[in-house]
Protein backbone atom coordinates (compact mmCIF):
# COMPACT_ATOMS: atom_id res chain seq x y z
CA MET A 1 86.61 -103.35 24.81
CA ASN A 2 86.51 -101.31 28.13
CA ILE A 3 84.83 -97.91 28.44
CA ARG A 4 88.15 -96.05 28.11
CA ASP A 5 88.92 -97.72 24.81
CA ARG A 6 85.55 -96.74 23.51
CA GLN A 7 86.04 -93.16 24.56
CA ILE A 8 89.32 -92.97 22.98
CA LEU A 9 88.17 -94.49 19.78
CA GLN A 10 85.08 -92.20 19.69
CA ILE A 11 87.37 -89.29 19.45
CA ALA A 12 90.36 -90.74 17.71
CA LEU A 13 88.67 -92.32 14.60
CA PRO A 14 86.83 -89.15 13.51
CA SER A 15 90.03 -87.15 14.03
CA ILE A 16 92.07 -89.66 11.89
CA VAL A 17 89.36 -89.23 9.05
CA SER A 18 89.65 -85.46 9.42
CA ASN A 19 93.52 -85.67 9.29
CA ILE A 20 93.41 -87.77 6.13
CA THR A 21 91.11 -85.27 4.39
CA VAL A 22 93.28 -82.14 5.14
CA PRO A 23 95.95 -82.69 2.61
CA LEU A 24 93.29 -83.30 0.03
CA LEU A 25 92.33 -79.57 -0.02
CA GLY A 26 95.79 -78.75 -1.48
CA MET A 27 95.96 -81.79 -3.73
CA ILE A 28 92.69 -80.94 -5.34
CA ASP A 29 94.03 -77.49 -6.35
CA VAL A 30 97.18 -79.09 -7.72
CA ALA A 31 95.14 -81.66 -9.74
CA ILE A 32 92.92 -78.90 -11.27
CA VAL A 33 95.86 -76.63 -12.32
CA GLY A 34 97.70 -79.70 -13.50
CA HIS A 35 95.40 -79.71 -16.50
CA MET A 36 95.67 -76.00 -17.43
CA GLY A 37 98.45 -76.61 -19.92
CA SER A 38 101.44 -75.04 -18.16
CA PRO A 39 103.63 -76.22 -15.25
CA VAL A 40 103.82 -72.56 -14.04
CA TYR A 41 100.23 -73.00 -12.76
CA ILE A 42 101.39 -76.00 -10.57
CA GLY A 43 104.29 -74.19 -9.21
CA ALA A 44 102.12 -71.13 -8.37
CA VAL A 45 99.63 -73.21 -6.41
CA ALA A 46 102.43 -75.24 -4.81
CA VAL A 47 104.05 -72.02 -3.52
CA GLY A 48 100.83 -70.47 -2.41
CA SER A 49 99.83 -73.53 -0.58
CA MET A 50 103.19 -73.84 1.12
CA ILE A 51 102.89 -70.18 2.38
CA PHE A 52 99.45 -70.70 4.02
CA ASN A 53 100.30 -74.21 5.28
CA LEU A 54 103.37 -72.69 6.99
CA VAL A 55 101.42 -69.63 8.40
CA TYR A 56 98.59 -71.59 9.64
CA TRP A 57 100.76 -74.15 11.12
CA LEU A 58 102.34 -71.41 13.22
CA PHE A 59 98.92 -70.46 14.44
CA GLY A 60 97.87 -73.97 15.27
CA PHE A 61 97.94 -72.88 18.96
CA LEU A 62 94.51 -71.42 18.49
CA ARG A 63 93.23 -75.04 18.25
CA MET A 64 95.53 -76.72 20.74
CA GLY A 65 95.26 -74.08 23.39
CA SER A 66 91.47 -74.01 23.14
CA SER A 67 91.26 -77.82 23.32
CA GLY A 68 93.20 -78.21 26.48
CA LEU A 69 91.54 -75.23 28.38
CA THR A 70 87.98 -76.23 27.33
CA SER A 71 88.56 -79.86 28.37
CA GLN A 72 89.69 -78.95 31.67
CA ALA A 73 86.88 -76.44 32.21
CA LEU A 74 84.44 -79.20 31.11
CA GLY A 75 85.96 -81.59 33.61
CA ARG A 76 85.29 -78.96 36.36
CA ARG A 77 81.81 -78.49 35.09
CA ASP A 78 82.55 -74.81 34.79
CA LEU A 79 80.24 -74.12 31.73
CA THR A 80 80.66 -70.42 32.18
CA GLU A 81 84.30 -70.74 31.58
CA VAL A 82 83.75 -73.21 28.69
CA THR A 83 81.83 -70.40 26.81
CA ARG A 84 84.38 -67.75 27.74
CA ILE A 85 87.21 -69.79 26.32
CA LEU A 86 85.34 -69.98 22.93
CA ILE A 87 84.66 -66.17 22.88
CA ARG A 88 88.17 -65.58 24.03
CA SER A 89 89.75 -67.72 21.35
CA MET A 90 87.51 -66.61 18.60
CA ALA A 91 88.32 -62.88 19.32
CA ILE A 92 91.98 -63.49 19.26
CA SER A 93 91.66 -65.53 15.98
CA LEU A 94 89.76 -62.69 14.40
CA GLY A 95 92.37 -60.17 15.62
CA ILE A 96 95.27 -62.35 14.21
CA ALA A 97 93.43 -62.71 10.85
CA LEU A 98 92.73 -59.05 10.45
CA THR A 99 96.44 -58.33 11.18
CA MET A 100 97.41 -60.77 8.42
CA ILE A 101 95.12 -59.04 5.98
CA VAL A 102 96.40 -55.58 6.87
CA LEU A 103 99.94 -56.70 6.70
CA GLN A 104 99.51 -58.97 3.70
CA ARG A 105 102.06 -57.18 1.50
CA PRO A 106 105.01 -57.48 3.91
CA LEU A 107 103.94 -61.00 4.77
CA LYS A 108 104.00 -61.96 1.09
CA TRP A 109 107.46 -60.40 0.66
CA LEU A 110 108.77 -62.39 3.74
CA MET A 111 107.35 -65.72 2.53
CA PHE A 112 108.49 -65.23 -0.95
CA TRP A 113 111.89 -64.40 0.23
CA LEU A 114 112.07 -67.58 2.37
CA ILE A 115 110.62 -69.74 -0.44
CA GLY A 116 112.44 -68.16 -3.40
CA PRO A 117 110.06 -69.05 -6.25
CA THR A 118 111.28 -68.47 -9.96
CA ALA A 119 110.22 -65.36 -11.74
CA ASP A 120 107.67 -67.12 -14.01
CA VAL A 121 105.91 -68.55 -10.95
CA VAL A 122 105.87 -65.37 -8.88
CA THR A 123 103.19 -63.54 -10.96
CA TYR A 124 100.53 -66.41 -10.64
CA ALA A 125 101.64 -67.20 -7.03
CA THR A 126 100.94 -63.61 -6.19
CA THR A 127 97.54 -63.76 -7.65
CA TYR A 128 96.80 -66.91 -5.71
CA TYR A 129 98.12 -65.32 -2.42
CA TYR A 130 96.38 -62.04 -2.50
CA MET A 131 92.98 -64.01 -3.04
CA VAL A 132 93.46 -66.79 -0.41
CA ILE A 133 94.61 -64.33 2.19
CA TRP A 134 91.11 -63.28 2.60
CA GLY A 135 90.18 -66.67 3.76
CA ALA A 136 92.27 -66.03 6.99
CA PRO A 137 89.32 -65.04 9.19
CA ALA A 138 87.50 -68.30 8.28
CA MET A 139 90.59 -70.66 8.71
CA LEU A 140 91.69 -69.24 12.03
CA GLY A 141 88.13 -69.14 13.25
CA LEU A 142 87.76 -72.78 12.42
CA TYR A 143 90.97 -73.39 14.27
CA SER A 144 89.37 -72.02 17.45
CA LEU A 145 86.06 -73.79 16.81
CA SER A 146 87.70 -77.20 16.20
CA GLY A 147 89.89 -76.90 19.32
CA TRP A 148 86.86 -76.10 21.31
CA PHE A 149 84.83 -79.01 19.88
CA ILE A 150 87.62 -81.38 20.61
CA GLY A 151 87.69 -80.00 24.22
CA MET A 152 84.01 -80.74 24.36
CA GLN A 153 84.89 -84.45 23.45
CA ASN A 154 83.36 -83.97 20.04
CA THR A 155 85.56 -84.70 17.03
CA ARG A 156 82.62 -85.69 14.80
CA ILE A 157 81.84 -82.05 13.92
CA PRO A 158 85.49 -81.21 12.80
CA MET A 159 85.40 -84.47 10.69
CA PHE A 160 82.15 -83.53 9.04
CA ILE A 161 83.44 -80.04 8.30
CA SER A 162 86.77 -81.36 6.86
CA ILE A 163 84.80 -83.66 4.44
CA MET A 164 82.26 -80.94 3.57
CA GLN A 165 85.07 -78.44 2.82
CA ASN A 166 86.68 -80.88 0.32
CA ILE A 167 83.46 -81.40 -1.47
CA VAL A 168 82.72 -77.64 -1.73
CA ASN A 169 86.28 -77.01 -2.79
CA ILE A 170 86.06 -79.58 -5.66
CA LEU A 171 82.72 -78.25 -6.86
CA ALA A 172 83.48 -74.53 -6.62
CA SER A 173 86.93 -74.84 -8.31
CA LEU A 174 85.74 -76.93 -11.13
CA THR A 175 82.78 -74.66 -11.69
CA LEU A 176 84.89 -71.51 -11.81
CA VAL A 177 87.79 -73.00 -13.85
CA TYR A 178 85.84 -75.01 -16.34
CA GLY A 179 82.33 -73.33 -16.15
CA PHE A 180 83.47 -69.77 -16.13
CA GLY A 181 86.92 -70.08 -17.83
CA MET A 182 88.98 -68.79 -14.83
CA LYS A 183 92.46 -69.85 -14.35
CA ILE A 184 94.48 -69.54 -11.10
CA GLU A 185 91.85 -67.02 -9.90
CA GLY A 186 89.27 -69.75 -10.04
CA VAL A 187 91.25 -72.21 -8.04
CA ALA A 188 92.07 -69.52 -5.29
CA LEU A 189 88.47 -68.43 -5.17
CA GLY A 190 87.33 -71.97 -4.88
CA THR A 191 89.63 -72.50 -1.90
CA VAL A 192 88.27 -69.29 -0.15
CA ILE A 193 84.67 -70.37 -0.80
CA ALA A 194 85.44 -73.74 0.81
CA GLN A 195 87.08 -72.12 3.71
CA TYR A 196 84.07 -69.75 4.56
CA ALA A 197 81.65 -72.63 3.90
CA GLY A 198 83.37 -74.65 6.55
CA PHE A 199 83.31 -71.75 9.00
CA ILE A 200 79.67 -70.97 8.41
CA VAL A 201 78.67 -74.60 8.81
CA ALA A 202 80.75 -74.81 11.93
CA LEU A 203 78.93 -71.75 13.51
CA GLY A 204 75.57 -73.35 12.44
CA LEU A 205 76.55 -76.70 14.23
CA LEU A 206 77.76 -74.80 17.31
CA LEU A 207 74.35 -73.21 17.69
CA ARG A 208 72.55 -76.44 16.77
CA TYR A 209 74.18 -78.57 19.35
CA TYR A 210 75.54 -76.17 22.04
CA GLY A 211 72.98 -73.42 21.79
CA ARG A 212 71.92 -74.23 25.40
CA LEU A 213 75.22 -72.93 26.52
CA ARG A 214 74.06 -69.44 25.81
CA SER A 215 72.47 -69.33 29.26
CA TYR A 216 76.03 -69.65 30.73
CA LEU A 217 77.57 -66.89 28.49
CA VAL A 218 78.76 -64.08 30.74
CA LEU A 219 80.91 -61.63 28.90
CA LYS A 220 82.06 -59.94 32.14
CA GLY A 221 85.27 -61.70 33.03
CA THR A 222 86.00 -62.95 29.61
CA PHE A 223 88.85 -60.67 28.98
CA VAL A 224 90.22 -60.04 32.44
CA ARG A 225 94.07 -59.95 32.85
CA GLU A 226 94.36 -63.27 34.65
CA ALA A 227 92.23 -65.30 32.17
CA MET A 228 93.99 -63.61 29.21
CA GLY A 229 97.41 -64.03 30.84
CA ARG A 230 96.85 -67.86 31.20
CA PHE A 231 95.47 -68.12 27.64
CA PHE A 232 98.45 -66.31 26.16
CA ASN A 233 100.92 -68.20 28.25
CA VAL A 234 99.60 -71.52 27.07
CA ASN A 235 99.55 -70.29 23.47
CA ARG A 236 102.87 -68.63 23.58
CA ASP A 237 104.45 -71.94 24.67
CA ILE A 238 102.66 -73.83 21.88
CA PHE A 239 103.69 -71.14 19.35
CA LEU A 240 107.38 -71.36 20.27
CA ARG A 241 107.24 -75.11 20.30
CA THR A 242 105.77 -74.93 16.79
CA LEU A 243 108.58 -72.72 15.72
CA CYS A 244 111.05 -75.48 16.74
CA LEU A 245 109.20 -78.09 14.58
CA VAL A 246 109.12 -75.73 11.72
CA ALA A 247 112.86 -75.07 12.05
CA VAL A 248 113.65 -78.77 11.95
CA ASN A 249 111.33 -79.55 9.09
CA LEU A 250 112.49 -76.74 6.95
CA TYR A 251 116.15 -77.57 7.61
CA PHE A 252 115.48 -81.17 6.84
CA THR A 253 114.18 -80.17 3.48
CA SER A 254 116.85 -77.73 2.68
CA ALA A 255 119.64 -80.08 3.84
CA GLY A 256 118.30 -82.79 1.50
CA ALA A 257 118.05 -80.23 -1.28
CA ARG A 258 121.77 -79.50 -1.05
CA SER A 259 122.37 -83.18 -1.74
CA GLY A 260 120.71 -82.89 -5.21
CA ALA A 261 117.35 -83.42 -6.78
CA VAL A 262 117.40 -87.15 -6.43
CA ILE A 263 117.96 -87.14 -2.62
CA LEU A 264 115.51 -84.30 -2.18
CA SER A 265 112.88 -86.42 -4.04
CA VAL A 266 113.89 -89.47 -1.92
CA ASN A 267 113.37 -87.58 1.29
CA THR A 268 110.18 -85.97 0.19
CA VAL A 269 108.65 -89.50 -0.70
CA LEU A 270 109.85 -91.07 2.40
CA MET A 271 108.50 -88.26 4.61
CA GLN A 272 105.05 -89.02 3.13
CA LEU A 273 105.29 -92.49 4.95
CA TYR A 274 105.95 -90.53 8.22
CA LEU A 275 102.96 -88.41 7.43
CA PHE A 276 100.76 -91.50 6.86
CA PHE A 277 101.72 -92.58 10.40
CA SER A 278 101.13 -89.16 11.98
CA TYR A 279 97.63 -89.09 10.63
CA PHE A 280 96.68 -92.06 12.84
CA MET A 281 98.73 -91.02 15.85
CA ASP A 282 97.38 -87.53 15.86
CA GLY A 283 93.93 -89.09 16.16
CA PHE A 284 95.08 -90.71 19.44
CA ALA A 285 96.83 -87.35 20.53
CA TYR A 286 93.42 -85.57 20.06
CA ALA A 287 91.88 -88.33 22.27
CA GLY A 288 94.58 -87.52 24.95
CA GLU A 289 93.79 -83.77 24.69
CA ALA A 290 90.09 -84.27 25.28
CA LEU A 291 89.91 -87.12 27.74
CA CYS A 292 93.18 -86.39 29.83
CA GLY A 293 92.26 -82.71 29.96
CA ARG A 294 88.74 -83.55 31.18
CA THR A 295 89.79 -86.02 33.85
CA TYR A 296 92.72 -83.75 34.80
CA GLY A 297 90.23 -80.77 35.20
CA ALA A 298 87.92 -82.91 37.34
CA LYS A 299 91.04 -84.15 39.46
CA ASN A 300 89.90 -87.69 38.76
CA TRP A 301 93.39 -89.19 38.92
CA MET A 302 92.26 -92.71 38.63
CA ALA A 303 90.47 -92.16 35.43
CA PHE A 304 93.41 -89.94 34.18
CA ARG A 305 95.88 -92.72 34.73
CA GLU A 306 93.57 -95.29 33.19
CA THR A 307 93.07 -93.22 30.18
CA LEU A 308 96.83 -92.55 29.82
CA HIS A 309 97.49 -96.38 30.09
CA ARG A 310 95.07 -97.16 27.36
CA LEU A 311 96.51 -94.36 25.09
CA TRP A 312 99.94 -96.06 25.49
CA MET A 313 98.40 -99.52 24.52
CA TRP A 314 96.85 -98.03 21.36
CA ALA A 315 100.10 -96.28 20.60
CA ILE A 316 102.02 -99.61 20.91
CA PHE A 317 99.37 -101.33 18.66
CA VAL A 318 99.54 -98.63 15.89
CA THR A 319 103.29 -98.39 16.07
CA THR A 320 103.63 -102.17 15.72
CA VAL A 321 101.20 -102.24 12.64
CA TYR A 322 102.93 -99.47 10.88
CA THR A 323 106.46 -100.85 11.54
CA MET A 324 105.51 -104.19 10.14
CA LEU A 325 103.70 -102.52 7.25
CA TYR A 326 106.73 -100.46 6.37
CA ILE A 327 109.22 -103.40 6.68
CA VAL A 328 107.16 -105.68 4.50
CA GLY A 329 105.56 -103.21 2.02
CA GLY A 330 107.62 -99.99 2.27
CA SER A 331 109.11 -100.50 -1.16
CA TRP A 332 105.86 -101.10 -2.71
CA ILE A 333 104.31 -97.96 -1.09
CA VAL A 334 107.32 -95.94 -2.49
CA SER A 335 106.73 -97.29 -5.92
CA ILE A 336 103.06 -96.14 -5.78
CA LEU A 337 104.26 -92.61 -4.81
CA THR A 338 106.85 -92.39 -7.53
CA ASP A 339 107.80 -94.13 -10.77
CA GLU A 340 111.11 -92.35 -11.35
CA PRO A 341 113.88 -95.08 -11.66
CA GLU A 342 116.49 -92.92 -10.02
CA VAL A 343 114.32 -92.09 -7.04
CA LEU A 344 113.30 -95.69 -6.66
CA ALA A 345 116.88 -96.96 -6.65
CA ALA A 346 118.17 -94.26 -4.30
CA SER A 347 115.24 -94.83 -1.94
CA ARG A 348 116.45 -98.47 -1.14
CA ASP A 349 119.50 -97.05 0.72
CA TYR A 350 117.24 -95.06 3.06
CA LEU A 351 114.07 -96.91 3.36
CA TRP A 352 115.20 -98.71 6.63
CA TRP A 353 115.14 -95.31 8.44
CA ILE A 354 111.37 -95.20 7.91
CA TRP A 355 111.21 -98.53 9.75
CA LEU A 356 112.48 -96.68 12.83
CA ILE A 357 110.11 -93.72 12.51
CA PRO A 358 106.95 -95.18 14.11
CA ALA A 359 108.73 -96.39 17.32
CA ALA A 360 110.79 -93.20 17.42
CA GLY A 361 107.87 -90.84 17.22
CA ALA A 362 105.09 -92.62 19.11
CA ALA A 363 105.74 -91.21 22.50
CA ALA A 364 106.06 -87.68 21.24
CA PHE A 365 102.65 -87.82 19.66
CA ILE A 366 101.01 -89.29 22.87
CA TRP A 367 102.78 -86.93 25.15
CA ASP A 368 101.93 -83.91 22.93
CA GLY A 369 98.16 -84.80 23.23
CA VAL A 370 98.28 -85.28 27.05
CA PHE A 371 100.34 -82.16 27.71
CA ILE A 372 98.01 -80.04 25.43
CA GLY A 373 94.99 -81.51 27.41
CA ILE A 374 96.45 -80.68 30.84
CA THR A 375 98.00 -77.44 29.50
CA ALA A 376 101.51 -78.51 30.45
CA THR A 377 102.74 -76.54 27.50
CA ARG A 378 105.98 -75.49 29.03
CA GLY A 379 107.08 -79.17 29.04
CA MET A 380 106.18 -79.33 25.36
CA LEU A 381 108.32 -76.15 24.67
CA VAL A 382 111.34 -77.19 26.60
CA SER A 383 111.36 -80.74 25.21
CA SER A 384 111.01 -79.47 21.62
CA PHE A 385 113.66 -76.86 22.11
CA LEU A 386 116.15 -79.19 23.60
CA SER A 387 115.40 -81.86 20.94
CA THR A 388 115.86 -79.25 18.18
CA LEU A 389 119.36 -78.44 19.51
CA ILE A 390 119.99 -82.15 19.55
CA PHE A 391 118.92 -82.38 15.86
CA PHE A 392 121.30 -79.77 14.79
CA ALA A 393 124.18 -80.87 16.88
CA VAL A 394 123.77 -84.45 15.78
CA TYR A 395 123.55 -83.70 12.07
CA ASN A 396 126.52 -81.36 12.07
CA LEU A 397 128.74 -83.59 14.24
CA SER A 398 127.83 -86.42 11.85
CA LEU A 399 128.95 -84.43 8.81
CA LEU A 400 132.33 -83.96 10.53
CA ILE A 401 132.72 -87.74 11.19
CA LEU A 402 131.00 -89.31 8.05
CA HIS A 403 132.00 -89.24 4.61
CA HIS A 404 130.06 -86.51 2.40
CA SER A 405 128.27 -89.31 0.58
CA LEU A 406 126.67 -90.27 3.84
CA SER A 407 125.33 -86.93 4.62
CA ASN A 408 121.74 -87.84 3.98
CA HIS A 409 122.13 -90.81 6.39
CA ALA A 410 123.27 -88.16 8.99
CA LEU A 411 120.22 -86.16 8.29
CA TRP A 412 117.82 -89.19 8.94
CA LEU A 413 119.82 -90.03 12.05
CA ALA A 414 119.36 -86.62 13.41
CA MET A 415 115.59 -86.69 12.61
CA VAL A 416 115.10 -90.07 14.40
CA LEU A 417 117.00 -89.03 17.47
CA TYR A 418 115.08 -85.68 17.45
CA LEU A 419 111.84 -87.72 17.55
CA ILE A 420 113.06 -90.06 20.28
CA MET A 421 114.41 -87.28 22.49
CA ARG A 422 111.06 -85.38 22.35
CA GLY A 423 109.40 -88.47 23.75
CA ILE A 424 112.13 -89.07 26.37
CA LEU A 425 112.26 -85.47 27.67
CA GLN A 426 108.48 -85.28 27.89
CA SER A 427 108.51 -88.51 29.93
CA ILE A 428 110.93 -87.05 32.33
CA TRP A 429 108.96 -83.79 32.62
CA TYR A 430 105.72 -85.81 33.27
CA ARG A 431 107.46 -87.80 35.98
CA GLN A 432 108.94 -84.78 37.67
CA ARG A 433 106.42 -82.21 37.29
CA ILE A 434 102.96 -83.67 36.56
CA VAL A 435 102.92 -86.67 38.82
CA THR A 436 104.22 -84.51 41.69
CA THR A 437 101.43 -82.02 40.95
CA MET A 438 98.89 -84.84 41.13
CA GLY A 439 100.30 -86.16 44.39
CA THR A 440 100.08 -82.70 45.88
CA TYR A 441 96.39 -82.33 44.88
CA ARG A 442 95.66 -85.92 46.14
CA GLY A 443 97.18 -85.04 49.51
CA ARG A 444 95.00 -82.04 50.11
């Protein structure tokens, strides 16, 4: 194993562990309320979790933007800018979080209108929402810190924090629910406690391992127009790109729902297989953010190309493994996720679409990581926007051509082509914009 592979795995593996632990935070809450004696509690937590997952997903640019800018500054060995990026990102995170708290009522109204929970769920979901909203400063602060840690080539700290948060959430929620007799309030408070525990520990680890950077901290110049302009330009592109992803995912869910409960269940279960693949590919995307960003910032084009080449080799390996796994054991995995006879029977007609997902989506994951690292965020935005248009066009044109009974196949066709086109368009952008830029620098 060469040095590039070791560097990639040192960043990718902890990130994969972190990704796997993230869904557990919501699953723990569901497991606890699932034993409270009423399905209303499960619905309330499901709605509340969906709200915050969606909102925090939209603000994921705080992590991604910090990662790319930090890795490039580290590559230039500009430690003053490294510290400024952290302060800049943390200040913006706090500002967004406080805005969410101030506007919590209209935000709740908007999200409830989008999701449309039933009347019996609304009361408990409202209680959950008004408590968990106070965790926004901790969660968004963690986004900035995690992005900064990744930019500093350190994914072990985010991994440790993710694991620790889950442990705290389990202990706090169980204590509050079963020790103090609380219901939905105990689950919500346990979540908030876990969020702040993670944030406080992250700050402590920051001081423990990066305290020496305080000597490079110069507040003057941190919030100048040029620096803030670049920060917001990068993050604006990532935010708008995320809106495209949210639009596709929400429409995919709603279109499946229009085909009935069985098809909705089938799509939900099969998308879990896509998520399993994404947890691994995201790890290599994080490696792309950190390593490509650092070598790009240092203008070390040979190291940049070698890192990119090894990332593609790992992507091919992971894609091959997952494709074979889903071809051979896809039905078995689905049977683990659900035992509903109707869902199992219907899933057989659509399982082969999942065989295509790893190959269709691998390029998009790798390019997203690379583009974030080198802050080529406009390429991410353009490719996502055009791919989103293709998704809607393919689905709606397919509905006109195919019989109504094949509408869900049209939906999966649109999703697969959407993933493929993201990778293709980013490849074109890289060849036409990034390679040209590197050639310009090399010629100076």
